[in-house]
C-alpha atoms as a PDB file:
ATOM      1  CA  MET A   1     244.353 129.606-135.703  1.00  0.00           C
ATOM      2  CA  SER A   2     247.427 127.389-135.995  1.00  0.00           C
ATOM      3  CA  SER A   3     250.513 127.708-133.842  1.00  0.00           C
ATOM      4  CA  THR A   4     254.079 127.934-135.088  1.00  0.00           C
ATOM      5  CA  LEU A   5     255.484 126.902-131.690  1.00  0.00           C
ATOM      6  CA  THR A   6     257.088 123.460-131.860  1.00  0.00           C
ATOM      7  CA  GLY A   7     258.369 122.881-128.328  1.00  0.00           C
ATOM      8  CA  PRO A   8     256.444 122.499-125.065  1.00  0.00           C
ATOM      9  CA  PRO A   9     255.875 125.495-122.788  1.00  0.00           C
ATOM     10  CA  ALA A  10     258.540 126.226-120.222  1.00  0.00           C
ATOM     11  CA  ALA A  11     256.247 125.558-117.231  1.00  0.00           C
ATOM     12  CA  ALA A  12     256.973 122.221-115.608  1.00  0.00           C
ATOM     13  CA  VAL A  13     254.104 119.751-115.835  1.00  0.00           C
ATOM     14  CA  GLY A  14     253.803 116.558-113.890  1.00  0.00           C
ATOM     15  CA  LYS A  15     252.404 113.314-115.203  1.00  0.00           C
ATOM     16  CA  ILE A  16     249.671 114.002-117.742  1.00  0.00           C
ATOM     17  CA  GLU A  17     246.507 111.979-117.362  1.00  0.00           C
ATOM     18  CA  PRO A  18     245.454 109.784-120.310  1.00  0.00           C
ATOM     19  CA  GLY A  19     243.140 111.593-122.704  1.00  0.00           C
ATOM     20  CA  VAL A  20     244.355 115.058-121.629  1.00  0.00           C
ATOM     21  CA  ASP A  21     245.832 117.154-124.426  1.00  0.00           C
ATOM     22  CA  THR A  22     249.500 117.898-123.775  1.00  0.00           C
ATOM     23  CA  VAL A  23     249.216 121.535-124.842  1.00  0.00           C
ATOM     24  CA  ASP A  24     246.159 122.042-122.628  1.00  0.00           C
ATOM     25  CA  ALA A  25     248.055 120.566-119.691  1.00  0.00           C
ATOM     26  CA  HIS A  26     250.966 122.932-120.244  1.00  0.00           C
ATOM     27  CA  ILE A  27     248.626 125.924-120.584  1.00  0.00           C
ATOM     28  CA  GLU A  28     246.875 124.919-117.382  1.00  0.00           C
ATOM     29  CA  GLN A  29     250.166 124.683-115.498  1.00  0.00           C
ATOM     30  CA  ALA A  30     251.525 127.945-116.927  1.00  0.00           C
ATOM     31  CA  CYS A  31     248.356 129.794-115.934  1.00  0.00           C
ATOM     32  CA  ARG A  32     248.590 128.403-112.417  1.00  0.00           C
ATOM     33  CA  THR A  33     252.245 129.406-112.164  1.00  0.00           C
ATOM     34  CA  LEU A  34     251.495 132.961-113.356  1.00  0.00           C
ATOM     35  CA  CYS A  35     248.230 133.193-111.361  1.00  0.00           C
ATOM     36  CA  LEU A  36     246.153 133.797-114.500  1.00  0.00           C
ATOM     37  CA  SER A  37     242.959 132.208-113.250  1.00  0.00           C
ATOM     38  CA  THR A  38     240.624 133.887-115.749  1.00  0.00           C
ATOM     39  CA  ILE A  39     242.754 132.930-118.748  1.00  0.00           C
ATOM     40  CA  ARG A  40     242.972 129.376-117.383  1.00  0.00           C
ATOM     41  CA  ALA A  41     239.187 129.188-117.136  1.00  0.00           C
ATOM     42  CA  HIS A  42     238.292 130.824-120.448  1.00  0.00           C
ATOM     43  CA  TYR A  43     241.177 130.469-122.920  1.00  0.00           C
ATOM     44  CA  GLU A  44     239.446 127.700-124.859  1.00  0.00           C
ATOM     45  CA  GLU A  45     236.268 129.680-125.539  1.00  0.00           C
ATOM     46  CA  ILE A  46     238.305 132.803-126.385  1.00  0.00           C
ATOM     47  CA  ALA A  47     240.461 130.711-128.737  1.00  0.00           C
ATOM     48  CA  GLU A  48     237.345 129.288-130.427  1.00  0.00           C
ATOM     49  CA  ALA A  49     235.948 132.799-130.893  1.00  0.00           C
ATOM     50  CA  ALA A  50     239.276 133.943-132.359  1.00  0.00           C
ATOM     51  CA  LEU A  51     239.189 131.052-134.858  1.00  0.00           C
ATOM     52  CA  ARG A  52     235.646 131.885-135.941  1.00  0.00           C
ATOM     53  CA  GLU A  53     236.528 135.548-136.403  1.00  0.00           C
ATOM     54  CA  HIS A  54     239.901 134.829-138.057  1.00  0.00           C
ATOM     55  CA  ALA A  55     241.516 137.082-135.458  1.00  0.00           C
ATOM     56  CA  SER A  56     245.234 137.771-135.483  1.00  0.00           C
ATOM     57  CA  TYR A  57     247.539 136.421-132.807  1.00  0.00           C
ATOM     58  CA  LYS A  58     247.790 139.894-131.306  1.00  0.00           C
ATOM     59  CA  ALA A  59     244.009 140.283-131.178  1.00  0.00           C
ATOM     60  CA  PHE A  60     243.693 136.868-129.533  1.00  0.00           C
ATOM     61  CA  LEU A  61     246.349 137.798-126.960  1.00  0.00           C
ATOM     62  CA  LEU A  62     244.598 141.104-126.289  1.00  0.00           C
ATOM     63  CA  ASP A  63     241.275 139.318-125.671  1.00  0.00           C
ATOM     64  CA  LEU A  64     242.973 137.004-123.184  1.00  0.00           C
ATOM     65  CA  LEU A  65     244.635 139.871-121.320  1.00  0.00           C
ATOM     66  CA  ASP A  66     241.469 142.007-121.336  1.00  0.00           C
ATOM     67  CA  ALA A  67     239.497 139.161-119.771  1.00  0.00           C
ATOM     68  CA  GLU A  68     242.140 138.688-117.079  1.00  0.00           C
ATOM     69  CA  CYS A  69     242.376 142.416-116.302  1.00  0.00           C
ATOM     70  CA  GLU A  70     238.602 142.839-116.148  1.00  0.00           C
ATOM     71  CA  GLN A  71     238.193 139.929-113.740  1.00  0.00           C
ATOM     72  CA  ARG A  72     241.040 141.134-111.534  1.00  0.00           C
ATOM     73  CA  ASP A  73     239.516 144.607-111.413  1.00  0.00           C
ATOM     74  CA  GLN A  74     236.182 143.130-110.390  1.00  0.00           C
ATOM     75  CA  ARG A  75     237.795 141.035-107.660  1.00  0.00           C
ATOM     76  CA  ARG A  76     239.666 144.095-106.398  1.00  0.00           C
ATOM     77  CA  ARG A  77     236.441 146.121-106.171  1.00  0.00           C
ATOM     78  CA  ILE A  78     234.766 143.327-104.232  1.00  0.00           C
ATOM     79  CA  ARG A  79     237.777 143.092-101.908  1.00  0.00           C
ATOM     80  CA  LEU A  80     237.863 146.848-101.254  1.00  0.00           C
ATOM     81  CA  VAL A  81     234.156 146.904-100.390  1.00  0.00           C
ATOM     82  CA  ARG A  82     234.625 143.929 -98.048  1.00  0.00           C
ATOM     83  CA  GLU A  83     237.639 145.534 -96.364  1.00  0.00           C
ATOM     84  CA  ALA A  84     235.625 148.740 -95.758  1.00  0.00           C
ATOM     85  CA  ARG A  85     233.625 146.765 -93.142  1.00  0.00           C
ATOM     86  CA  PHE A  86     230.247 148.283 -93.887  1.00  0.00           C
ATOM     87  CA  PRO A  87     227.641 146.947 -91.432  1.00  0.00           C
ATOM     88  CA  ARG A  88     225.121 146.256 -94.212  1.00  0.00           C
ATOM     89  CA  PRO A  89     224.946 146.680 -97.994  1.00  0.00           C
ATOM     90  CA  LYS A  90     223.601 150.046 -99.146  1.00  0.00           C
ATOM     91  CA  ARG A  91     223.883 151.711-102.517  1.00  0.00           C
ATOM     92  CA  VAL A  92     223.204 155.263-103.647  1.00  0.00           C
ATOM     93  CA  GLU A  93     221.073 153.838-106.461  1.00  0.00           C
ATOM     94  CA  SER A  94     218.596 152.431-103.918  1.00  0.00           C
ATOM     95  CA  PHE A  95     218.185 155.721-102.028  1.00  0.00           C
ATOM     96  CA  ASP A  96     214.670 157.142-102.459  1.00  0.00           C
ATOM     97  CA  PHE A  97     215.355 160.762-103.371  1.00  0.00           C
ATOM     98  CA  THR A  98     211.638 161.389-103.954  1.00  0.00           C
ATOM     99  CA  ALA A  99     210.950 160.521-100.312  1.00  0.00           C
ATOM    100  CA  ASN A 100     213.510 163.053 -99.104  1.00  0.00           C
ATOM    101  CA  PRO A 101     213.402 166.241-101.188  1.00  0.00           C
ATOM    102  CA  HIS A 102     216.086 167.788 -98.939  1.00  0.00           C
ATOM    103  CA  VAL A 103     218.734 165.607-100.584  1.00  0.00           C
ATOM    104  CA  SER A 104     219.910 166.452-104.098  1.00  0.00           C
ATOM    105  CA  ALA A 105     220.473 163.406-106.295  1.00  0.00           C
ATOM    106  CA  GLU A 106     222.839 165.450-108.455  1.00  0.00           C
ATOM    107  CA  VAL A 107     225.029 166.379-105.472  1.00  0.00           C
ATOM    108  CA  VAL A 108     225.091 162.822-104.100  1.00  0.00           C
ATOM    109  CA  ASN A 109     225.910 161.314-107.504  1.00  0.00           C
ATOM    110  CA  THR A 110     228.811 163.740-107.802  1.00  0.00           C
ATOM    111  CA  LEU A 111     230.137 162.405-104.492  1.00  0.00           C
ATOM    112  CA  THR A 112     230.163 158.838-105.826  1.00  0.00           C
ATOM    113  CA  GLN A 113     233.052 159.947-108.056  1.00  0.00           C
ATOM    114  CA  PRO A 114     236.507 160.049-106.409  1.00  0.00           C
ATOM    115  CA  GLY A 115     237.428 163.624-107.346  1.00  0.00           C
ATOM    116  CA  TRP A 116     236.681 164.996-103.862  1.00  0.00           C
ATOM    117  CA  ILE A 117     238.665 162.121-102.361  1.00  0.00           C
ATOM    118  CA  SER A 118     241.708 163.072-104.430  1.00  0.00           C
ATOM    119  CA  ALA A 119     241.345 166.633-103.099  1.00  0.00           C
ATOM    120  CA  GLY A 120     241.150 165.415 -99.475  1.00  0.00           C
ATOM    121  CA  GLN A 121     237.811 167.134 -98.899  1.00  0.00           C
ATOM    122  CA  PRO A 122     235.491 166.284 -95.970  1.00  0.00           C
ATOM    123  CA  LEU A 123     231.785 165.416 -96.096  1.00  0.00           C
ATOM    124  CA  CYS A 124     229.182 166.010 -93.379  1.00  0.00           C
ATOM    125  CA  LEU A 125     225.746 164.388 -93.438  1.00  0.00           C
ATOM    126  CA  ILE A 126     223.547 166.151 -90.903  1.00  0.00           C
ATOM    127  CA  GLY A 127     219.936 165.288 -90.073  1.00  0.00           C
ATOM    128  CA  ASP A 128     217.552 163.579 -87.690  1.00  0.00           C
ATOM    129  CA  SER A 129     217.391 159.811 -87.238  1.00  0.00           C
ATOM    130  CA  GLY A 130     215.693 157.958 -90.056  1.00  0.00           C
ATOM    131  CA  THR A 131     216.425 160.559 -92.733  1.00  0.00           C
ATOM    132  CA  GLY A 132     218.934 158.471 -94.683  1.00  0.00           C
ATOM    133  CA  LYS A 133     222.318 159.625 -93.380  1.00  0.00           C
ATOM    134  CA  SER A 134     223.773 156.160 -92.821  1.00  0.00           C
ATOM    135  CA  HIS A 135     222.345 154.936 -96.122  1.00  0.00           C
ATOM    136  CA  LEU A 136     224.097 157.765 -97.949  1.00  0.00           C
ATOM    137  CA  LEU A 137     227.299 157.341 -95.940  1.00  0.00           C
ATOM    138  CA  ILE A 138     227.509 153.630 -96.786  1.00  0.00           C
ATOM    139  CA  GLY A 139     226.315 154.113-100.362  1.00  0.00           C
ATOM    140  CA  ILE A 140     228.852 156.829-101.128  1.00  0.00           C
ATOM    141  CA  GLY A 141     231.581 154.852 -99.370  1.00  0.00           C
ATOM    142  CA  THR A 142     230.711 151.759-101.407  1.00  0.00           C
ATOM    143  CA  ALA A 143     230.916 153.711-104.659  1.00  0.00           C
ATOM    144  CA  ILE A 144     234.305 155.124-103.684  1.00  0.00           C
ATOM    145  CA  ALA A 145     235.590 151.649-102.804  1.00  0.00           C
ATOM    146  CA  GLU A 146     234.363 150.327-106.151  1.00  0.00           C
ATOM    147  CA  ALA A 147     236.256 153.187-107.804  1.00  0.00           C
ATOM    148  CA  GLY A 148     239.451 151.627-106.437  1.00  0.00           C
ATOM    149  CA  ARG A 149     240.010 153.672-103.269  1.00  0.00           C
ATOM    150  CA  LYS A 150     240.600 152.334 -99.749  1.00  0.00           C
ATOM    151  CA  VAL A 151     237.604 152.994 -97.502  1.00  0.00           C
ATOM    152  CA  ARG A 152     236.930 152.206 -93.863  1.00  0.00           C
ATOM    153  CA  TYR A 153     233.594 152.469 -92.042  1.00  0.00           C
ATOM    154  CA  THR A 154     233.240 152.630 -88.255  1.00  0.00           C
ATOM    155  CA  THR A 155     231.215 154.404 -85.625  1.00  0.00           C
ATOM    156  CA  THR A 156     232.798 157.341 -83.838  1.00  0.00           C
ATOM    157  CA  ALA A 157     232.548 155.584 -80.480  1.00  0.00           C
ATOM    158  CA  ASN A 158     234.298 152.475 -81.810  1.00  0.00           C
ATOM    159  CA  LEU A 159     237.061 154.573 -83.331  1.00  0.00           C
ATOM    160  CA  VAL A 160     237.681 156.500 -80.112  1.00  0.00           C
ATOM    161  CA  ASN A 161     237.690 153.246 -78.128  1.00  0.00           C
ATOM    162  CA  GLU A 162     240.187 151.728 -80.566  1.00  0.00           C
ATOM    163  CA  LEU A 163     242.454 154.769 -80.298  1.00  0.00           C
ATOM    164  CA  SER A 164     242.169 154.793 -76.507  1.00  0.00           C
ATOM    165  CA  GLU A 165     243.115 151.124 -76.237  1.00  0.00           C
ATOM    166  CA  ALA A 166     246.029 151.680 -78.625  1.00  0.00           C
ATOM    167  CA  ALA A 167     247.245 154.607 -76.523  1.00  0.00           C
ATOM    168  CA  ASP A 168     247.085 152.467 -73.368  1.00  0.00           C
ATOM    169  CA  GLU A 169     249.150 149.782 -75.108  1.00  0.00           C
ATOM    170  CA  HIS A 170     251.623 152.339 -76.530  1.00  0.00           C
ATOM    171  CA  GLN A 171     250.460 151.451 -80.056  1.00  0.00           C
ATOM    172  CA  LEU A 172     248.749 154.725 -80.955  1.00  0.00           C
ATOM    173  CA  GLY A 173     251.332 155.668 -83.583  1.00  0.00           C
ATOM    174  CA  ARG A 174     250.874 152.349 -85.356  1.00  0.00           C
ATOM    175  CA  VAL A 175     247.075 152.682 -85.422  1.00  0.00           C
ATOM    176  CA  LEU A 176     247.239 156.283 -86.637  1.00  0.00           C
ATOM    177  CA  LYS A 177     249.609 155.206 -89.394  1.00  0.00           C
ATOM    178  CA  ARG A 178     247.192 152.484 -90.458  1.00  0.00           C
ATOM    179  CA  TYR A 179     244.313 154.943 -90.667  1.00  0.00           C
ATOM    180  CA  SER A 180     246.495 157.415 -92.578  1.00  0.00           C
ATOM    181  CA  LYS A 181     246.541 154.940 -95.476  1.00  0.00           C
ATOM    182  CA  ILE A 182     242.751 154.975 -95.792  1.00  0.00           C
ATOM    183  CA  ASP A 183     241.522 157.211 -98.634  1.00  0.00           C
ATOM    184  CA  LEU A 184     238.048 157.720 -97.126  1.00  0.00           C
ATOM    185  CA  LEU A 185     237.213 157.264 -93.451  1.00  0.00           C
ATOM    186  CA  CYS A 186     233.446 157.010 -92.862  1.00  0.00           C
ATOM    187  CA  LEU A 187     232.434 157.871 -89.290  1.00  0.00           C
ATOM    188  CA  ASP A 188     228.834 157.093 -88.395  1.00  0.00           C
ATOM    189  CA  GLU A 189     226.978 158.240 -85.267  1.00  0.00           C
ATOM    190  CA  PHE A 190     229.182 161.306 -84.934  1.00  0.00           C
ATOM    191  CA  CYS A 191     228.507 163.238 -81.694  1.00  0.00           C
ATOM    192  CA  TYR A 192     225.967 160.666 -80.521  1.00  0.00           C
ATOM    193  CA  LEU A 193     227.898 159.971 -77.338  1.00  0.00           C
ATOM    194  CA  GLU A 194     229.688 162.350 -75.017  1.00  0.00           C
ATOM    195  CA  LEU A 195     233.452 162.597 -75.477  1.00  0.00           C
ATOM    196  CA  ASP A 196     235.698 163.606 -72.623  1.00  0.00           C
ATOM    197  CA  LYS A 197     238.829 165.660 -73.257  1.00  0.00           C
ATOM    198  CA  THR A 198     240.991 162.576 -73.821  1.00  0.00           C
ATOM    199  CA  GLY A 199     238.565 161.065 -76.311  1.00  0.00           C
ATOM    200  CA  ALA A 200     238.163 164.374 -78.136  1.00  0.00           C
ATOM    201  CA  LYS A 201     241.944 164.765 -78.390  1.00  0.00           C
ATOM    202  CA  LEU A 202     242.305 161.289 -79.877  1.00  0.00           C
ATOM    203  CA  LEU A 203     239.577 162.003 -82.408  1.00  0.00           C
ATOM    204  CA  PHE A 204     241.191 165.338 -83.229  1.00  0.00           C
ATOM    205  CA  GLN A 205     244.474 163.559 -83.966  1.00  0.00           C
ATOM    206  CA  ILE A 206     242.752 161.520 -86.646  1.00  0.00           C
ATOM    207  CA  LEU A 207     241.233 164.653 -88.172  1.00  0.00           C
ATOM    208  CA  THR A 208     244.532 166.520 -88.105  1.00  0.00           C
ATOM    209  CA  GLU A 209     246.414 163.615 -89.697  1.00  0.00           C
ATOM    210  CA  ARG A 210     243.915 163.560 -92.567  1.00  0.00           C
ATOM    211  CA  GLU A 211     243.383 167.284 -93.093  1.00  0.00           C
ATOM    212  CA  GLU A 212     243.482 168.197 -96.806  1.00  0.00           C
ATOM    213  CA  ARG A 213     245.256 164.919 -97.574  1.00  0.00           C
ATOM    214  CA  ARG A 214     242.746 162.142 -96.913  1.00  0.00           C
ATOM    215  CA  SER A 215     238.980 162.499 -96.868  1.00  0.00           C
ATOM    216  CA  ILE A 216     236.650 161.886 -93.967  1.00  0.00           C
ATOM    217  CA  ALA A 217     232.856 161.605 -94.065  1.00  0.00           C
ATOM    218  CA  VAL A 218     230.690 161.842 -90.943  1.00  0.00           C
ATOM    219  CA  ALA A 219     227.005 161.264 -90.310  1.00  0.00           C
ATOM    220  CA  SER A 220     225.439 163.037 -87.328  1.00  0.00           C
ATOM    221  CA  ASN A 221     221.912 163.636 -86.057  1.00  0.00           C
ATOM    222  CA  VAL A 222     223.152 166.695 -84.173  1.00  0.00           C
ATOM    223  CA  PRO A 223     223.582 170.122 -85.844  1.00  0.00           C
ATOM    224  CA  PHE A 224     227.008 171.740 -85.639  1.00  0.00           C
ATOM    225  CA  SER A 225     225.771 174.231 -83.034  1.00  0.00           C
ATOM    226  CA  GLU A 226     225.069 171.373 -80.596  1.00  0.00           C
ATOM    227  CA  TRP A 227     228.302 169.417 -80.973  1.00  0.00           C
ATOM    228  CA  LYS A 228     229.649 171.237 -77.922  1.00  0.00           C
ATOM    229  CA  ALA A 229     227.218 169.198 -75.824  1.00  0.00           C
ATOM    230  CA  THR A 230     229.086 165.983 -76.680  1.00  0.00           C
ATOM    231  CA  ILE A 231     232.612 167.302 -77.312  1.00  0.00           C
ATOM    232  CA  LEU A 232     233.005 168.921 -73.908  1.00  0.00           C
ATOM    233  CA  ASP A 233     236.260 170.757 -74.552  1.00  0.00           C
ATOM    234  CA  GLN A 234     234.960 173.833 -76.358  1.00  0.00           C
ATOM    235  CA  ARG A 235     238.230 174.691 -78.086  1.00  0.00           C
ATOM    236  CA  LEU A 236     238.577 171.164 -79.377  1.00  0.00           C
ATOM    237  CA  CYS A 237     234.949 171.208 -80.482  1.00  0.00           C
ATOM    238  CA  ALA A 238     235.512 174.369 -82.513  1.00  0.00           C
ATOM    239  CA  ALA A 239     238.633 172.841 -84.057  1.00  0.00           C
ATOM    240  CA  VAL A 240     236.761 169.638 -84.962  1.00  0.00           C
ATOM    241  CA  VAL A 241     233.979 171.620 -86.663  1.00  0.00           C
ATOM    242  CA  ASP A 242     236.606 173.630 -88.510  1.00  0.00           C
ATOM    243  CA  ARG A 243     238.388 170.498 -89.777  1.00  0.00           C
ATOM    244  CA  LEU A 244     235.159 168.873 -90.944  1.00  0.00           C
ATOM    245  CA  THR A 245     233.712 171.872 -92.751  1.00  0.00           C
ATOM    246  CA  TYR A 246     236.679 173.644 -94.356  1.00  0.00           C
ATOM    247  CA  ASN A 247     236.515 173.251 -98.131  1.00  0.00           C
ATOM    248  CA  GLY A 248     234.037 170.422 -97.601  1.00  0.00           C
ATOM    249  CA  HIS A 249     230.595 169.190 -98.569  1.00  0.00           C
ATOM    250  CA  ILE A 250     227.561 169.444 -96.293  1.00  0.00           C
ATOM    251  CA  ILE A 251     224.315 167.573 -96.935  1.00  0.00           C
ATOM    252  CA  GLU A 252     221.362 168.220 -94.635  1.00  0.00           C
ATOM    253  CA  THR A 253     218.901 165.322 -94.712  1.00  0.00           C
ATOM    254  CA  GLY A 254     216.174 167.114 -92.751  1.00  0.00           C
ATOM    255  CA  THR A 255     213.972 166.079 -89.855  1.00  0.00           C
ATOM    256  CA  ASP A 256     211.256 163.911 -91.415  1.00  0.00           C
ATOM    257  CA  SER A 257     212.026 160.274 -90.579  1.00  0.00           C
ATOM    258  CA  TYR A 258     211.614 157.995 -93.584  1.00  0.00           C
ATOM    259  CA  ARG A 259     211.620 154.919 -91.350  1.00  0.00           C
ATOM    260  CA  LEU A 260     208.835 156.331 -89.187  1.00  0.00           C
ATOM    261  CA  ARG A 261     206.715 157.282 -92.194  1.00  0.00           C
ATOM    262  CA  THR A 262     207.262 153.847 -93.734  1.00  0.00           C
ATOM    263  CA  THR A 263     206.191 152.108 -90.511  1.00  0.00           C
ATOM    264  CA  GLN A 264     203.140 154.320 -90.145  1.00  0.00           C
ATOM    265  CA  GLN A 265     202.123 153.659 -93.748  1.00  0.00           C
ATOM    266  CA  ARG A 266     202.558 149.910 -93.298  1.00  0.00           C
ATOM    267  CA  LEU A 267     200.407 149.908 -90.158  1.00  0.00           C
ATOM    268  CA  ALA A 268     197.767 152.004 -91.902  1.00  0.00           C
ATOM    269  CA  ASP A 269     197.696 149.584 -94.852  1.00  0.00           C
ATOM    270  CA  GLN A 270     197.354 146.618 -92.492  1.00  0.00           C
ATOM    271  CA  SER A 271     194.488 148.369 -90.705  1.00  0.00           C
ATOM    272  CA  ASP A 272     192.710 149.026 -94.020  1.00  0.00           C
ATOM    273  CA  GLN A 273     193.095 145.351 -95.000  1.00  0.00           C
ATOM    274  CA  ARG A 274     191.464 144.181 -91.754  1.00  0.00           C
ATOM    275  CA  ARG A 275     188.392 146.334 -92.329  1.00  0.00           C
END
């Protein structure tokens, strides 16, 4: 593929080292100026492929831009997952649905798509410890982040503490505004710890701000009927349940602990090996 351009590129280039092609130096500088890191790294191999295939100039340009867009999209997905602050990597694909027949793979896979996020719908994962709630919460949240949405993971206690500290410092409005920009808020360990009236009110503010606009997903080992034992203000408790269930998704993960069964099986296998 020959070029009809006769003059040097507009990007300013400093002193060119001996043995370095002038055009390559200008391309390098132009890519740096325009922040086209993928094109800078791969334009030569894409150009060679275009020559072999006798591609048109437009096709060559499209290949360059496609490569840049694909790499930027990948970097953005990685950034969104990192900014979600998940405590450990978990994916829906690694969840053992055969070990927990209570959980429908079809339902969970539907939730990895951002349609319910666009509708501002809530999600509740309810079940005993060790039944996969946190795995699903993180896995679904990861999939949503990779779909290009802003996600944030935290425990309920940490969120309430953050809101309480912000209120004490007269920064509550700023913190609430920051959370209002999150597409999916993942709250783990919901109703694990007792919330006084002040804490419950702060939590309720988050729920109210997000209602039918931004999604929230919670994981709790306590059934709805027992939330009143940790959210002591009964009216607030009823309002919280209402906000988290209206037009939402509920997945019950059951009572059979996968972690406990796995440990018991491992110990049994070790015992058999020693015999």
